[in-house]
Protein backbone atom coordinates (compact mmCIF):
# COMPACT_ATOMS: atom_id res chain seq x y z
CA UNK A 1 -31.46 -18.63 37.43
CA UNK A 2 -29.91 -20.12 40.49
CA UNK A 3 -33.04 -20.16 42.64
CA UNK A 4 -36.72 -19.40 42.62
CA UNK A 5 -36.21 -16.37 44.90
CA UNK A 6 -33.69 -14.88 42.48
CA UNK A 7 -36.06 -15.45 39.58
CA UNK A 8 -38.90 -13.69 41.42
CA UNK A 9 -36.58 -10.80 42.33
CA UNK A 10 -35.61 -10.31 38.68
CA UNK A 11 -39.27 -10.62 37.65
CA UNK A 12 -38.53 -13.63 35.46
CA UNK A 13 -40.80 -16.03 37.33
CA UNK A 14 -44.04 -16.89 35.55
CA UNK A 15 -46.57 -18.63 37.75
CA UNK A 16 -48.56 -21.60 36.37
CA UNK A 17 -51.85 -19.65 36.33
CA UNK A 18 -50.41 -16.95 34.05
CA UNK A 19 -51.47 -16.95 30.41
CA UNK A 20 -49.76 -14.90 27.65
CA UNK A 21 -53.10 -13.43 26.69
CA UNK A 22 -53.22 -11.72 30.06
CA UNK A 23 -50.33 -9.40 29.12
CA UNK A 24 -47.23 -8.70 31.15
CA UNK A 25 -46.53 -9.99 34.63
CA UNK A 26 -47.06 -6.48 36.11
CA UNK A 27 -50.51 -6.35 34.56
CA UNK A 28 -51.17 -9.90 35.75
CA UNK A 29 -50.22 -8.92 39.33
CA UNK A 30 -52.01 -5.57 39.06
CA UNK A 31 -49.01 -3.42 39.87
CA UNK A 32 -46.77 -0.84 38.19
CA UNK A 33 -43.25 -1.67 37.04
CA UNK A 34 -41.83 0.92 39.49
CA UNK A 35 -43.81 -0.60 42.40
CA UNK A 36 -44.04 1.81 45.37
CA UNK A 37 -42.28 4.61 43.53
CA UNK A 38 -45.27 4.99 41.24
CA UNK A 39 -48.03 4.98 43.87
CA UNK A 40 -48.84 8.67 43.12
CA UNK A 41 -48.36 8.45 39.41
CA UNK A 42 -52.05 9.26 38.83
CA UNK A 43 -51.31 12.71 40.35
CA UNK A 44 -48.31 13.21 38.08
CA UNK A 45 -45.85 12.52 40.94
CA UNK A 46 -42.94 10.09 40.72
CA UNK A 47 -40.83 9.24 43.77
CA UNK A 48 -37.10 9.39 43.01
CA UNK A 49 -33.78 9.60 44.83
CA UNK A 50 -32.80 13.28 44.87
CA UNK A 51 -29.24 14.38 45.70
CA UNK A 52 -28.78 17.82 47.30
CA UNK A 53 -26.94 20.03 44.77
CA UNK A 54 -25.43 22.44 47.35
CA UNK A 55 -25.20 23.07 51.09
CA UNK A 56 -28.42 24.39 52.62
CA UNK A 57 -29.82 25.44 56.01
CA UNK A 58 -33.02 23.75 57.15
CA UNK A 59 -35.56 26.38 58.25
CA UNK A 60 -37.27 23.93 60.58
CA UNK A 61 -34.35 23.26 62.95
CA UNK A 62 -31.57 25.47 61.50
CA UNK A 63 -29.42 22.41 60.80
CA UNK A 64 -27.07 22.31 57.85
CA UNK A 65 -27.72 19.72 55.15
CA UNK A 66 -24.55 19.05 53.20
CA UNK A 67 -24.18 18.78 49.47
CA UNK A 68 -24.62 15.21 48.21
CA UNK A 69 -27.11 14.05 50.87
CA UNK A 70 -29.84 11.95 49.23
CA UNK A 71 -33.60 12.06 49.86
CA UNK A 72 -36.75 10.27 48.66
CA UNK A 73 -38.33 13.18 46.79
CA UNK A 74 -41.60 13.60 44.93
CA UNK A 75 -40.87 14.74 41.38
CA UNK A 76 -43.52 16.54 39.35
CA UNK A 77 -43.69 19.00 36.48
CA UNK A 78 -44.72 22.55 37.44
CA UNK A 79 -44.13 24.43 34.18
CA UNK A 80 -42.09 24.93 31.03
CA UNK A 81 -39.28 27.20 29.93
CA UNK A 82 -39.82 27.25 26.18
CA UNK A 83 -39.66 23.52 25.41
CA UNK A 84 -37.74 22.57 28.59
CA UNK A 85 -39.77 21.22 31.50
CA UNK A 86 -39.48 22.73 34.97
CA UNK A 87 -39.39 20.04 37.66
CA UNK A 88 -40.21 20.40 41.31
CA UNK A 89 -38.78 18.14 44.03
CA UNK A 90 -40.53 17.86 47.40
CA UNK A 91 -38.81 16.07 50.27
CA UNK A 92 -38.67 15.94 54.07
CA UNK A 93 -35.51 16.67 56.02
CA UNK A 94 -34.19 13.83 58.15
CA UNK A 95 -33.56 16.06 61.18
CA UNK A 96 -37.05 17.49 61.79
CA UNK A 97 -39.28 16.17 58.96
CA UNK A 98 -39.58 19.70 57.61
CA UNK A 99 -40.85 19.89 54.00
CA UNK A 100 -38.32 21.30 51.51
CA UNK A 101 -39.24 22.24 47.94
CA UNK A 102 -36.59 22.73 45.23
CA UNK A 103 -37.16 23.51 41.56
CA UNK A 104 -35.01 23.50 38.44
CA UNK A 105 -34.17 26.80 36.70
CA UNK A 106 -33.43 26.04 33.03
CA UNK A 107 -32.80 29.71 32.23
CA UNK A 108 -29.84 30.01 34.62
CA UNK A 109 -28.93 26.29 34.61
CA UNK A 110 -29.24 25.86 38.37
CA UNK A 111 -31.52 24.76 41.20
CA UNK A 112 -33.72 27.20 43.15
CA UNK A 113 -35.02 26.68 46.70
CA UNK A 114 -38.74 27.47 46.80
CA UNK A 115 -39.53 26.86 50.48
CA UNK A 116 -38.40 25.06 53.63
CA UNK A 117 -34.67 25.93 53.42
CA UNK A 118 -32.18 28.54 52.35
CA UNK A 119 -28.94 28.20 50.45
CA UNK A 120 -25.70 28.47 52.38
CA UNK A 121 -23.74 31.45 51.07
CA UNK A 122 -20.18 30.45 50.25
CA UNK A 123 -18.24 33.28 48.63
CA UNK A 124 -14.51 33.25 48.04
CA UNK A 125 -11.89 35.27 46.25
CA UNK A 126 -10.44 34.00 42.98
CA UNK A 127 -6.90 34.69 44.21
CA UNK A 128 -7.43 32.73 47.44
CA UNK A 129 -8.93 29.79 45.56
CA UNK A 130 -6.25 30.06 42.83
CA UNK A 131 -8.87 30.01 40.10
CA UNK A 132 -9.45 32.15 37.02
CA UNK A 133 -12.58 34.31 36.85
CA UNK A 134 -14.78 33.52 33.85
CA UNK A 135 -15.46 36.43 31.49
CA UNK A 136 -18.84 38.16 31.48
CA UNK A 137 -21.50 37.36 28.89
CA UNK A 138 -20.87 40.49 26.82
CA UNK A 139 -17.12 39.95 26.84
CA UNK A 140 -17.63 36.29 25.97
CA UNK A 141 -19.53 37.38 22.88
CA UNK A 142 -16.78 39.79 21.84
CA UNK A 143 -14.19 37.02 22.05
CA UNK A 144 -15.62 35.59 18.86
CA UNK A 145 -14.32 38.66 16.98
CA UNK A 146 -10.74 37.88 15.76
CA UNK A 147 -9.70 41.56 15.89
CA UNK A 148 -10.79 41.82 19.53
CA UNK A 149 -8.80 38.67 20.38
CA UNK A 150 -5.72 40.08 18.63
CA UNK A 151 -5.93 43.36 20.55
CA UNK A 152 -6.30 41.66 23.92
CA UNK A 153 -3.88 38.79 23.34
CA UNK A 154 -0.99 40.38 25.24
CA UNK A 155 -3.24 41.34 28.14
CA UNK A 156 -4.62 37.82 28.33
CA UNK A 157 -1.11 36.34 28.38
CA UNK A 158 -0.14 38.71 31.17
CA UNK A 159 -3.20 37.70 33.18
CA UNK A 160 -2.34 34.05 32.61
CA UNK A 161 1.21 34.52 33.92
CA UNK A 162 -0.08 36.38 36.97
CA UNK A 163 -2.70 33.71 37.63
CA UNK A 164 -0.17 30.89 37.65
CA UNK A 165 0.52 29.40 41.07
CA UNK A 166 3.68 30.46 42.86
CA UNK A 167 5.14 26.96 42.75
CA UNK A 168 4.81 26.80 38.97
CA UNK A 169 6.66 30.11 38.57
CA UNK A 170 9.38 28.97 40.97
CA UNK A 171 9.78 25.70 39.10
CA UNK A 172 10.05 27.53 35.80
CA UNK A 173 12.67 29.94 37.19
CA UNK A 174 14.65 27.03 38.65
CA UNK A 175 14.61 25.20 35.32
CA UNK A 176 15.83 28.31 33.50
CA UNK A 177 18.59 28.88 36.06
CA UNK A 178 19.88 25.31 35.87
CA UNK A 179 19.56 24.91 32.13
CA UNK A 180 23.36 25.22 31.51
CA UNK A 181 25.12 22.96 34.03
CA UNK A 182 28.63 23.73 32.75
CA UNK A 183 28.29 27.51 33.17
CA UNK A 184 26.85 27.14 36.67
CA UNK A 185 29.64 24.77 37.73
CA UNK A 186 32.28 27.11 36.27
CA UNK A 187 30.89 30.15 38.13
CA UNK A 188 30.70 28.19 41.40
CA UNK A 189 34.31 26.96 41.18
CA UNK A 190 35.55 30.49 40.37
CA UNK A 191 33.75 31.88 43.40
CA UNK A 192 35.25 29.20 45.65
CA UNK A 193 38.79 29.93 44.33
CA UNK A 194 38.37 33.65 45.03
CA UNK A 195 37.09 32.89 48.52
CA UNK A 196 40.09 30.64 49.33
CA UNK A 197 42.50 33.27 48.02
CA UNK A 198 40.94 35.99 50.16
CA UNK A 199 41.06 33.78 53.29
CA UNK A 200 44.77 33.04 52.70
CA UNK A 201 45.57 36.77 52.36
CA UNK A 202 43.71 37.58 55.58
CA UNK A 203 45.53 34.83 57.50
CA UNK A 204 48.90 36.08 56.22
CA UNK A 205 48.08 39.65 57.28
CA UNK A 206 47.07 38.42 60.75
CA UNK A 207 50.35 36.51 61.17
CA UNK A 208 52.33 39.64 60.26
CA UNK A 209 50.51 41.51 63.04
CA UNK A 210 51.25 38.69 65.50
CA UNK A 211 47.66 37.60 65.84
CA UNK A 212 46.47 34.02 66.05
CA UNK A 213 43.06 34.76 64.59
CA UNK A 214 42.01 35.87 61.14
CA UNK A 215 40.87 39.46 60.88
CA UNK A 216 37.86 40.30 58.77
CA UNK A 217 38.10 43.04 56.13
CA UNK A 218 37.72 46.58 57.42
CA UNK A 219 34.36 48.25 56.98
CA UNK A 220 33.18 51.86 57.06
CA UNK A 221 31.48 51.29 60.41
CA UNK A 222 34.74 50.06 61.97
CA UNK A 223 36.58 53.14 60.64
CA UNK A 224 33.98 55.50 62.12
CA UNK A 225 34.08 53.78 65.54
CA UNK A 226 37.90 53.88 65.61
CA UNK A 227 37.88 57.61 64.78
CA UNK A 228 35.53 58.35 67.68
CA UNK A 229 37.63 56.40 70.22
CA UNK A 230 40.18 58.44 72.28
CA UNK A 231 42.82 57.05 74.68
CA UNK A 232 44.04 59.15 77.66
CA UNK A 233 47.76 58.89 78.51
CA UNK A 234 50.38 60.58 80.73
CA UNK A 235 51.30 63.20 78.16
CA UNK A 236 47.87 64.80 78.38
CA UNK A 237 48.06 64.91 82.21
CA UNK A 238 51.50 66.58 82.24
CA UNK A 239 50.39 69.10 79.69
CA UNK A 240 47.37 70.01 81.81
CA UNK A 241 49.59 70.43 84.92
CA UNK A 242 52.00 72.72 83.10
CA UNK A 243 49.17 74.85 81.80
CA UNK A 244 47.77 75.08 85.34
CA UNK A 245 51.20 76.29 86.64
CA UNK A 246 51.46 78.88 83.90
CA UNK A 247 47.95 80.17 84.61
CA UNK A 248 48.65 80.32 88.37
CA UNK A 249 51.90 82.32 87.91
CA UNK A 250 52.11 86.12 87.65
CA UNK A 251 52.67 87.75 84.28
CA UNK A 252 54.67 90.66 85.83
CA UNK A 253 58.40 90.27 86.60
CA UNK A 254 59.47 91.40 90.16
CA UNK A 255 62.41 91.05 92.55
CA UNK A 256 60.89 88.07 94.29
CA UNK A 257 60.91 85.89 91.15
CA UNK A 258 62.96 83.23 92.94
CA UNK A 259 60.50 83.11 95.82
CA UNK A 260 57.58 82.92 93.39
CA UNK A 261 59.27 80.11 91.47
CA UNK A 262 59.87 78.24 94.70
CA UNK A 263 56.22 78.71 95.68
CA UNK A 264 55.06 77.33 92.36
CA UNK A 265 57.29 74.30 92.73
CA UNK A 266 55.91 73.67 96.22
CA UNK A 267 52.36 73.95 94.92
CA UNK A 268 53.16 71.49 92.16
CA UNK A 269 54.67 69.03 94.65
CA UNK A 270 51.66 69.47 96.90
CA UNK A 271 49.32 68.64 94.02
CA UNK A 272 51.34 65.53 93.19
CA UNK A 273 51.27 64.40 96.82
CA UNK A 274 47.51 64.93 96.99
CA UNK A 275 47.02 63.01 93.76
CA UNK A 276 49.17 60.13 95.02
CA UNK A 277 47.26 60.05 98.32
CA UNK A 278 43.92 59.97 96.58
CA UNK A 279 45.01 57.15 94.25
CA UNK A 280 46.35 55.16 97.25
CA UNK A 281 43.08 55.68 99.07
CA UNK A 282 41.10 54.47 96.08
CA UNK A 283 43.40 51.44 95.70
CA UNK A 284 42.89 50.49 99.41
CA UNK A 285 46.54 50.94 100.41
CA UNK A 286 46.03 54.02 102.65
CA UNK A 287 48.37 54.14 105.68
CA UNK A 288 47.43 56.50 108.58
CA UNK A 289 50.02 59.14 109.55
CA UNK A 290 51.78 59.39 112.94
CA UNK A 291 49.72 62.43 113.89
CA UNK A 292 46.47 60.53 113.34
CA UNK A 293 47.78 57.56 115.35
CA UNK A 294 48.82 59.74 118.30
CA UNK A 295 45.47 61.56 118.25
CA UNK A 296 43.59 58.25 118.41
CA UNK A 297 45.76 56.98 121.31
CA UNK A 298 45.23 60.18 123.32
CA UNK A 299 41.47 59.88 122.86
CA UNK A 300 41.60 56.28 124.07
CA UNK A 301 43.50 57.29 127.22
């Protein structure tokens, strides 16, 4: 030992007044080997460090005590489950000094809160947590039967594939797709050659049409739009004028056919003059006539 203090701490220091006939050092000093932890040992209580097995709510101040928080708890036996002892742990919460009692449950292999707190309910879906649900007790017993396992082998494999994470399935698909590098490279080069050939044909067709840009291949939508588009030209206008003259003329022949023909020609000229005047007015190149100018000057005088 390096020092007297270290020897006393390790309980290896024997004072001069000690005699081997007096027994151990603890008996000589009149104390238990566990010191303060065993001060209630006559009542069957041992003070230990207890670690909280799950998240709980303190009923004294409604504060949450997280899993893993440690307490100085009084441990004592409160019963038996067959040959297994049932232990009770009594402790005080650090927030409000409220007494919390927790017991072991050997039947269900868990801890049970007796008083002073309540367990925080934390439920989740197996799919969200990406975990596999354990089979029930009755199904777990049937799994021992080899015939039952053989019947449900395919179903179990299907469940396993569905339970795999998405990244694992994607990695497996990627590995299968890139297993043959030569075939993938061959297919890629063939696709690039076909693409270059198609672009060259489109550029050649555009040059023949006198265009400086490459036209994309025609689609059904382009064909339908082109069929619905109509362009108005001078032929349609002349045809409408001729039909109007024919409808305005008489269907009966008479002696004044020359006069009627002349009248129709004048009406046609009049329509043309009116159309030209209207177009000039819309274009902003309207020029007032001499009669309008003289009327305005007389009004000004």
